Amino acid sequence: MKIRKAVKSDLLKYIELRKEDILNYSQIIGENIKIDEEKLEEEFNNIMNSKKNIIFIAEDGCESAGYINGSILKNIWQESGYINDLFVTKNFKRKGIGTHLIKTFIEYLKMRKIKKCKLGVNIKNTNAISLYNKLGFKTDHYEMSLSF
């Protein structure tokens, strides 16, 4: 298993991973999410062109196993990392890949002298919550939303 920083030529890999991620997330939350490949391409290009965002891709030979998309957030009080998205394909789940992707992002943050990593997770995504708890993440606030 190899984890590496994404490059611009990974666009098609990223789109395929994101499509599977969106379908998986749709099942978790019980809602149908429309997949728009143009928006996924725009999302990828925005990440690749930003100095505050990064994608790491996990690969097993030529096969993509998952990815993590993270950001560096900075305000006048602190600088922190934020995990925007973590996904491991069905064929590679329960093999430690999610853990390795998170640890890779945390090492990336440490190299930049950042000492805190945050994330958001849907309360229905119990597998992800279990992983994050296992890695030492703690609930320190609740995020709420209102749809209208």
N, C-alpha and C. Protein backbone atom coordinates (compact mmCIF):
# COMPACT_ATOMS: atom_id res chain seq x y z
N MET A 1 0.84 -1.18 0.00
CA MET A 1 0.00 0.00 0.00
C MET A 1 0.88 1.24 0.00
N LYS A 2 0.56 2.16 -0.88
CA LYS A 2 1.32 3.40 -1.00
C LYS A 2 0.35 4.57 -0.83
N ILE A 3 0.76 5.56 -0.05
CA ILE A 3 -0.01 6.79 0.09
C ILE A 3 0.85 7.92 -0.43
N ARG A 4 0.29 8.71 -1.33
CA ARG A 4 1.06 9.80 -1.93
C ARG A 4 0.17 11.02 -2.12
N LYS A 5 0.84 12.16 -2.24
CA LYS A 5 0.15 13.41 -2.51
C LYS A 5 -0.41 13.35 -3.94
N ALA A 6 -1.64 13.79 -4.11
CA ALA A 6 -2.25 13.80 -5.43
C ALA A 6 -1.59 14.84 -6.33
N VAL A 7 -1.59 14.55 -7.61
CA VAL A 7 -1.10 15.47 -8.63
C VAL A 7 -2.22 15.71 -9.64
N LYS A 8 -2.05 16.72 -10.47
CA LYS A 8 -3.13 17.11 -11.40
C LYS A 8 -3.57 15.97 -12.32
N SER A 9 -2.66 15.07 -12.64
CA SER A 9 -3.02 13.95 -13.52
C SER A 9 -3.88 12.90 -12.82
N ASP A 10 -4.16 13.09 -11.53
CA ASP A 10 -5.02 12.17 -10.78
C ASP A 10 -6.50 12.53 -10.89
N LEU A 11 -6.84 13.48 -11.74
CA LEU A 11 -8.22 13.95 -11.85
C LEU A 11 -9.21 12.80 -12.03
N LEU A 12 -8.99 11.93 -12.99
CA LEU A 12 -9.95 10.85 -13.26
C LEU A 12 -10.04 9.87 -12.09
N LYS A 13 -8.90 9.57 -11.45
CA LYS A 13 -8.92 8.72 -10.26
C LYS A 13 -9.77 9.36 -9.18
N TYR A 14 -9.55 10.65 -8.97
CA TYR A 14 -10.28 11.38 -7.93
C TYR A 14 -11.78 11.36 -8.22
N ILE A 15 -12.16 11.62 -9.45
CA ILE A 15 -13.58 11.63 -9.80
C ILE A 15 -14.21 10.26 -9.53
N GLU A 16 -13.54 9.19 -9.91
CA GLU A 16 -14.09 7.85 -9.67
C GLU A 16 -14.21 7.56 -8.17
N LEU A 17 -13.20 7.94 -7.40
CA LEU A 17 -13.26 7.75 -5.95
C LEU A 17 -14.39 8.59 -5.34
N ARG A 18 -14.51 9.84 -5.75
CA ARG A 18 -15.55 10.72 -5.21
C ARG A 18 -16.95 10.23 -5.56
N LYS A 19 -17.12 9.70 -6.77
CA LYS A 19 -18.42 9.16 -7.15
C LYS A 19 -18.80 8.00 -6.23
N GLU A 20 -17.86 7.10 -5.99
CA GLU A 20 -18.13 5.98 -5.08
C GLU A 20 -18.37 6.50 -3.66
N ASP A 21 -17.61 7.49 -3.25
CA ASP A 21 -17.78 8.10 -1.93
C ASP A 21 -19.18 8.69 -1.78
N ILE A 22 -19.63 9.43 -2.78
CA ILE A 22 -20.95 10.05 -2.73
C ILE A 22 -22.05 9.00 -2.68
N LEU A 23 -21.92 7.94 -3.47
CA LEU A 23 -22.92 6.86 -3.43
C LEU A 23 -22.95 6.21 -2.05
N ASN A 24 -21.78 5.97 -1.48
CA ASN A 24 -21.68 5.38 -0.15
C ASN A 24 -22.32 6.30 0.89
N TYR A 25 -22.00 7.58 0.83
CA TYR A 25 -22.54 8.54 1.79
C TYR A 25 -24.06 8.66 1.63
N SER A 26 -24.56 8.60 0.39
CA SER A 26 -26.00 8.64 0.15
C SER A 26 -26.71 7.50 0.89
N GLN A 27 -26.10 6.32 0.87
CA GLN A 27 -26.67 5.17 1.58
C GLN A 27 -26.65 5.39 3.09
N ILE A 28 -25.57 5.95 3.61
CA ILE A 28 -25.46 6.18 5.05
C ILE A 28 -26.54 7.13 5.54
N ILE A 29 -26.76 8.22 4.81
CA ILE A 29 -27.72 9.24 5.27
C ILE A 29 -29.14 9.00 4.76
N GLY A 30 -29.30 8.05 3.86
CA GLY A 30 -30.64 7.73 3.35
C GLY A 30 -31.21 8.77 2.42
N GLU A 31 -30.34 9.47 1.70
CA GLU A 31 -30.78 10.48 0.73
C GLU A 31 -30.04 10.26 -0.58
N ASN A 32 -30.70 10.59 -1.68
CA ASN A 32 -30.07 10.47 -2.98
C ASN A 32 -29.33 11.78 -3.29
N ILE A 33 -28.03 11.69 -3.50
CA ILE A 33 -27.23 12.87 -3.83
C ILE A 33 -26.87 12.78 -5.31
N LYS A 34 -27.20 13.81 -6.06
CA LYS A 34 -26.91 13.85 -7.49
C LYS A 34 -25.41 14.04 -7.70
N ILE A 35 -24.84 13.21 -8.56
CA ILE A 35 -23.42 13.31 -8.87
C ILE A 35 -23.25 14.16 -10.13
N ASP A 36 -22.45 15.19 -10.01
CA ASP A 36 -22.17 16.10 -11.11
C ASP A 36 -20.66 16.07 -11.37
N GLU A 37 -20.24 15.38 -12.44
CA GLU A 37 -18.81 15.24 -12.71
C GLU A 37 -18.12 16.57 -12.98
N GLU A 38 -18.82 17.51 -13.54
CA GLU A 38 -18.21 18.83 -13.77
C GLU A 38 -17.88 19.50 -12.44
N LYS A 39 -18.78 19.37 -11.45
CA LYS A 39 -18.51 19.94 -10.13
C LYS A 39 -17.36 19.20 -9.45
N LEU A 40 -17.28 17.89 -9.65
CA LEU A 40 -16.18 17.12 -9.07
C LEU A 40 -14.84 17.55 -9.68
N GLU A 41 -14.84 17.80 -10.98
CA GLU A 41 -13.62 18.29 -11.63
C GLU A 41 -13.25 19.67 -11.10
N GLU A 42 -14.24 20.53 -10.95
CA GLU A 42 -13.99 21.87 -10.40
C GLU A 42 -13.47 21.76 -8.96
N GLU A 43 -14.07 20.87 -8.17
CA GLU A 43 -13.62 20.65 -6.80
C GLU A 43 -12.15 20.23 -6.76
N PHE A 44 -11.80 19.25 -7.59
CA PHE A 44 -10.43 18.77 -7.64
C PHE A 44 -9.47 19.88 -8.04
N ASN A 45 -9.81 20.62 -9.08
CA ASN A 45 -8.93 21.70 -9.55
C ASN A 45 -8.78 22.79 -8.49
N ASN A 46 -9.85 23.10 -7.79
CA ASN A 46 -9.76 24.10 -6.71
C ASN A 46 -8.81 23.63 -5.61
N ILE A 47 -8.89 22.37 -5.26
CA ILE A 47 -7.99 21.82 -4.23
C ILE A 47 -6.55 21.86 -4.72
N MET A 48 -6.33 21.42 -5.95
CA MET A 48 -4.97 21.34 -6.48
C MET A 48 -4.34 22.73 -6.65
N ASN A 49 -5.16 23.74 -6.87
CA ASN A 49 -4.65 25.09 -7.07
C ASN A 49 -4.57 25.91 -5.79
N SER A 50 -4.91 25.30 -4.68
CA SER A 50 -4.90 25.99 -3.39
C SER A 50 -3.66 25.62 -2.58
N LYS A 51 -3.13 26.60 -1.86
CA LYS A 51 -2.00 26.33 -0.98
C LYS A 51 -2.47 25.82 0.38
N LYS A 52 -3.78 25.89 0.65
CA LYS A 52 -4.31 25.50 1.95
C LYS A 52 -5.00 24.14 1.93
N ASN A 53 -5.06 23.48 0.78
CA ASN A 53 -5.75 22.20 0.66
C ASN A 53 -4.81 21.15 0.07
N ILE A 54 -5.08 19.90 0.43
CA ILE A 54 -4.26 18.81 -0.08
C ILE A 54 -5.09 17.54 -0.16
N ILE A 55 -4.73 16.68 -1.10
CA ILE A 55 -5.33 15.36 -1.21
C ILE A 55 -4.19 14.34 -1.17
N PHE A 56 -4.37 13.30 -0.36
CA PHE A 56 -3.49 12.15 -0.38
C PHE A 56 -4.31 10.98 -0.90
N ILE A 57 -3.70 10.20 -1.80
CA ILE A 57 -4.36 9.04 -2.39
C ILE A 57 -3.66 7.77 -1.94
N ALA A 58 -4.47 6.78 -1.56
CA ALA A 58 -3.94 5.46 -1.20
C ALA A 58 -4.09 4.55 -2.42
N GLU A 59 -3.00 3.84 -2.75
CA GLU A 59 -3.02 2.94 -3.91
C GLU A 59 -2.43 1.59 -3.54
N ASP A 60 -3.00 0.57 -4.13
CA ASP A 60 -2.48 -0.78 -4.02
C ASP A 60 -2.15 -1.22 -5.44
N GLY A 61 -0.89 -1.11 -5.81
CA GLY A 61 -0.51 -1.33 -7.20
C GLY A 61 -1.11 -0.25 -8.05
N CYS A 62 -1.88 -0.64 -9.06
CA CYS A 62 -2.54 0.34 -9.94
C CYS A 62 -3.94 0.69 -9.47
N GLU A 63 -4.40 0.06 -8.41
CA GLU A 63 -5.77 0.27 -7.95
C GLU A 63 -5.84 1.34 -6.87
N SER A 64 -6.77 2.28 -7.03
CA SER A 64 -6.99 3.31 -6.02
C SER A 64 -7.79 2.70 -4.88
N ALA A 65 -7.31 2.93 -3.65
CA ALA A 65 -7.96 2.35 -2.48
C ALA A 65 -8.72 3.38 -1.66
N GLY A 66 -8.38 4.66 -1.79
CA GLY A 66 -9.06 5.69 -1.03
C GLY A 66 -8.31 7.00 -1.09
N TYR A 67 -8.82 7.97 -0.36
CA TYR A 67 -8.18 9.29 -0.34
C TYR A 67 -8.58 10.04 0.93
N ILE A 68 -7.82 11.06 1.23
CA ILE A 68 -8.16 12.03 2.27
C ILE A 68 -7.96 13.42 1.67
N ASN A 69 -8.92 14.28 1.92
CA ASN A 69 -8.86 15.67 1.47
C ASN A 69 -8.83 16.52 2.73
N GLY A 70 -7.77 17.29 2.90
CA GLY A 70 -7.63 18.11 4.10
C GLY A 70 -7.30 19.54 3.78
N SER A 71 -7.53 20.40 4.77
CA SER A 71 -7.26 21.83 4.64
C SER A 71 -6.51 22.34 5.85
N ILE A 72 -5.87 23.46 5.65
CA ILE A 72 -5.28 24.20 6.77
C ILE A 72 -6.16 25.42 6.99
N LEU A 73 -6.67 25.54 8.21
CA LEU A 73 -7.53 26.67 8.58
C LEU A 73 -6.75 27.60 9.47
N LYS A 74 -6.90 28.88 9.24
CA LYS A 74 -6.17 29.85 10.04
C LYS A 74 -7.06 31.04 10.33
N ASN A 75 -7.09 31.41 11.61
CA ASN A 75 -7.74 32.66 12.00
C ASN A 75 -6.80 33.37 12.96
N ILE A 76 -7.22 34.45 13.56
CA ILE A 76 -6.31 35.21 14.43
C ILE A 76 -5.97 34.45 15.70
N TRP A 77 -6.74 33.43 16.04
CA TRP A 77 -6.51 32.71 17.29
C TRP A 77 -5.66 31.47 17.12
N GLN A 78 -5.83 30.77 16.03
CA GLN A 78 -5.09 29.51 15.87
C GLN A 78 -5.04 29.06 14.41
N GLU A 79 -4.17 28.13 14.19
CA GLU A 79 -4.05 27.44 12.90
C GLU A 79 -4.33 25.97 13.19
N SER A 80 -5.14 25.35 12.35
CA SER A 80 -5.44 23.94 12.56
C SER A 80 -5.65 23.25 11.22
N GLY A 81 -5.58 21.94 11.26
CA GLY A 81 -5.90 21.15 10.09
C GLY A 81 -7.35 20.74 10.16
N TYR A 82 -7.92 20.47 9.01
CA TYR A 82 -9.31 20.04 8.96
C TYR A 82 -9.44 18.94 7.92
N ILE A 83 -10.00 17.82 8.32
CA ILE A 83 -10.26 16.72 7.39
C ILE A 83 -11.61 16.99 6.74
N ASN A 84 -11.56 17.36 5.47
CA ASN A 84 -12.79 17.65 4.73
C ASN A 84 -13.50 16.37 4.32
N ASP A 85 -12.72 15.37 3.94
CA ASP A 85 -13.30 14.13 3.44
C ASP A 85 -12.29 13.00 3.55
N LEU A 86 -12.78 11.84 3.94
CA LEU A 86 -11.98 10.62 4.01
C LEU A 86 -12.82 9.52 3.40
N PHE A 87 -12.23 8.76 2.50
CA PHE A 87 -12.98 7.67 1.88
C PHE A 87 -12.04 6.52 1.55
N VAL A 88 -12.52 5.31 1.83
CA VAL A 88 -11.83 4.07 1.46
C VAL A 88 -12.82 3.23 0.66
N THR A 89 -12.39 2.70 -0.48
CA THR A 89 -13.27 1.91 -1.33
C THR A 89 -13.70 0.62 -0.63
N LYS A 90 -14.82 0.10 -1.10
CA LYS A 90 -15.40 -1.10 -0.50
C LYS A 90 -14.40 -2.26 -0.42
N ASN A 91 -13.62 -2.46 -1.47
CA ASN A 91 -12.66 -3.57 -1.51
C ASN A 91 -11.52 -3.44 -0.51
N PHE A 92 -11.31 -2.24 0.03
CA PHE A 92 -10.17 -2.01 0.92
C PHE A 92 -10.57 -1.62 2.34
N LYS A 93 -11.86 -1.65 2.62
CA LYS A 93 -12.30 -1.29 3.98
C LYS A 93 -11.81 -2.31 4.99
N ARG A 94 -11.62 -1.85 6.22
CA ARG A 94 -11.21 -2.70 7.35
C ARG A 94 -9.80 -3.27 7.18
N LYS A 95 -8.95 -2.53 6.46
CA LYS A 95 -7.56 -2.96 6.27
C LYS A 95 -6.58 -1.92 6.78
N GLY A 96 -7.07 -0.93 7.53
CA GLY A 96 -6.20 0.08 8.11
C GLY A 96 -5.87 1.25 7.21
N ILE A 97 -6.48 1.31 6.03
CA ILE A 97 -6.15 2.36 5.08
C ILE A 97 -6.63 3.72 5.56
N GLY A 98 -7.85 3.78 6.10
CA GLY A 98 -8.35 5.04 6.64
C GLY A 98 -7.44 5.58 7.73
N THR A 99 -6.98 4.69 8.60
CA THR A 99 -6.05 5.07 9.67
C THR A 99 -4.77 5.63 9.08
N HIS A 100 -4.22 4.95 8.08
CA HIS A 100 -2.97 5.41 7.46
C HIS A 100 -3.16 6.75 6.75
N LEU A 101 -4.31 6.95 6.12
CA LEU A 101 -4.56 8.24 5.46
C LEU A 101 -4.63 9.37 6.49
N ILE A 102 -5.32 9.13 7.59
CA ILE A 102 -5.42 10.16 8.64
C ILE A 102 -4.04 10.45 9.22
N LYS A 103 -3.28 9.41 9.51
CA LYS A 103 -1.95 9.60 10.08
C LYS A 103 -1.03 10.34 9.10
N THR A 104 -1.19 10.10 7.81
CA THR A 104 -0.41 10.81 6.80
C THR A 104 -0.76 12.30 6.83
N PHE A 105 -2.04 12.61 6.92
CA PHE A 105 -2.45 14.02 6.98
C PHE A 105 -1.94 14.67 8.27
N ILE A 106 -2.01 13.96 9.38
CA ILE A 106 -1.51 14.50 10.65
C ILE A 106 -0.01 14.77 10.57
N GLU A 107 0.75 13.88 9.96
CA GLU A 107 2.19 14.12 9.78
C GLU A 107 2.43 15.35 8.91
N TYR A 108 1.62 15.51 7.89
CA TYR A 108 1.70 16.70 7.04
C TYR A 108 1.48 17.97 7.88
N LEU A 109 0.50 17.92 8.78
CA LEU A 109 0.24 19.07 9.66
C LEU A 109 1.41 19.31 10.61
N LYS A 110 1.94 18.26 11.19
CA LYS A 110 3.06 18.39 12.13
C LYS A 110 4.28 19.01 11.44
N MET A 111 4.53 18.65 10.20
CA MET A 111 5.66 19.23 9.46
C MET A 111 5.49 20.74 9.31
N ARG A 112 4.25 21.19 9.36
CA ARG A 112 3.96 22.62 9.24
C ARG A 112 3.73 23.28 10.61
N LYS A 113 4.10 22.55 11.67
CA LYS A 113 4.02 23.06 13.05
C LYS A 113 2.57 23.32 13.49
N ILE A 114 1.63 22.62 12.89
CA ILE A 114 0.22 22.72 13.26
C ILE A 114 -0.06 21.62 14.28
N LYS A 115 -0.73 21.99 15.36
CA LYS A 115 -0.87 21.06 16.49
C LYS A 115 -2.29 20.60 16.75
N LYS A 116 -3.22 20.89 15.85
CA LYS A 116 -4.60 20.47 16.06
C LYS A 116 -5.21 20.07 14.73
N CYS A 117 -5.99 18.98 14.76
CA CYS A 117 -6.71 18.51 13.58
C CYS A 117 -8.17 18.34 13.95
N LYS A 118 -9.04 18.89 13.13
CA LYS A 118 -10.48 18.83 13.36
C LYS A 118 -11.15 18.11 12.19
N LEU A 119 -12.40 17.74 12.40
CA LEU A 119 -13.20 17.15 11.33
C LEU A 119 -14.66 17.25 11.70
N GLY A 120 -15.50 17.06 10.72
CA GLY A 120 -16.94 16.95 10.93
C GLY A 120 -17.37 15.58 10.44
N VAL A 121 -18.36 15.01 11.09
CA VAL A 121 -18.84 13.68 10.68
C VAL A 121 -20.35 13.61 10.90
N ASN A 122 -21.05 12.99 9.98
CA ASN A 122 -22.48 12.81 10.11
C ASN A 122 -22.75 11.81 11.24
N ILE A 123 -23.71 12.13 12.09
CA ILE A 123 -23.97 11.26 13.24
C ILE A 123 -24.45 9.86 12.84
N LYS A 124 -24.90 9.70 11.60
CA LYS A 124 -25.31 8.38 11.12
C LYS A 124 -24.12 7.53 10.67
N ASN A 125 -22.96 8.15 10.52
CA ASN A 125 -21.78 7.44 10.02
C ASN A 125 -21.01 6.83 11.20
N THR A 126 -21.59 5.80 11.78
CA THR A 126 -21.04 5.20 13.00
C THR A 126 -19.68 4.55 12.79
N ASN A 127 -19.43 4.00 11.61
CA ASN A 127 -18.11 3.42 11.35
C ASN A 127 -17.02 4.48 11.39
N ALA A 128 -17.29 5.63 10.79
CA ALA A 128 -16.31 6.72 10.80
C ALA A 128 -16.11 7.24 12.22
N ILE A 129 -17.19 7.41 12.95
CA ILE A 129 -17.09 7.89 14.33
C ILE A 129 -16.24 6.94 15.15
N SER A 130 -16.43 5.66 14.97
CA SER A 130 -15.64 4.66 15.69
C SER A 130 -14.15 4.79 15.35
N LEU A 131 -13.83 4.96 14.07
CA LEU A 131 -12.44 5.14 13.65
C LEU A 131 -11.84 6.39 14.29
N TYR A 132 -12.56 7.50 14.22
CA TYR A 132 -12.03 8.75 14.76
C TYR A 132 -11.82 8.65 16.27
N ASN A 133 -12.75 8.02 16.97
CA ASN A 133 -12.57 7.81 18.41
C ASN A 133 -11.35 6.95 18.70
N LYS A 134 -11.17 5.91 17.92
CA LYS A 134 -10.02 5.01 18.09
C LYS A 134 -8.70 5.77 17.93
N LEU A 135 -8.70 6.75 17.04
CA LEU A 135 -7.49 7.53 16.79
C LEU A 135 -7.31 8.70 17.77
N GLY A 136 -8.24 8.85 18.70
CA GLY A 136 -8.09 9.86 19.74
C GLY A 136 -8.86 11.15 19.53
N PHE A 137 -9.64 11.25 18.46
CA PHE A 137 -10.46 12.45 18.25
C PHE A 137 -11.54 12.50 19.32
N LYS A 138 -11.83 13.69 19.79
CA LYS A 138 -12.84 13.91 20.82
C LYS A 138 -13.88 14.91 20.31
N THR A 139 -15.10 14.74 20.77
CA THR A 139 -16.15 15.70 20.46
C THR A 139 -15.92 16.94 21.31
N ASP A 140 -15.72 18.09 20.65
CA ASP A 140 -15.50 19.30 21.42
C ASP A 140 -16.53 20.39 21.12
N HIS A 141 -17.38 20.15 20.14
CA HIS A 141 -18.52 21.02 19.90
C HIS A 141 -19.48 20.30 18.96
N TYR A 142 -20.69 20.80 18.89
CA TYR A 142 -21.67 20.25 17.98
C TYR A 142 -21.92 21.23 16.85
N GLU A 143 -22.00 20.72 15.66
CA GLU A 143 -22.37 21.54 14.53
C GLU A 143 -23.80 21.19 14.20
N MET A 144 -24.60 22.19 14.00
CA MET A 144 -26.03 21.97 13.71
C MET A 144 -26.36 22.64 12.38
N SER A 145 -27.43 22.16 11.77
CA SER A 145 -27.84 22.76 10.50
C SER A 145 -29.35 22.86 10.43
N LEU A 146 -29.81 23.68 9.55
CA LEU A 146 -31.22 23.87 9.29
C LEU A 146 -31.40 23.85 7.78
N SER A 147 -32.22 22.94 7.29
CA SER A 147 -32.53 22.89 5.86
C SER A 147 -33.87 23.56 5.63
N PHE A 148 -33.95 24.33 4.57
CA PHE A 148 -35.22 24.98 4.24
C PHE A 148 -35.37 25.13 2.75
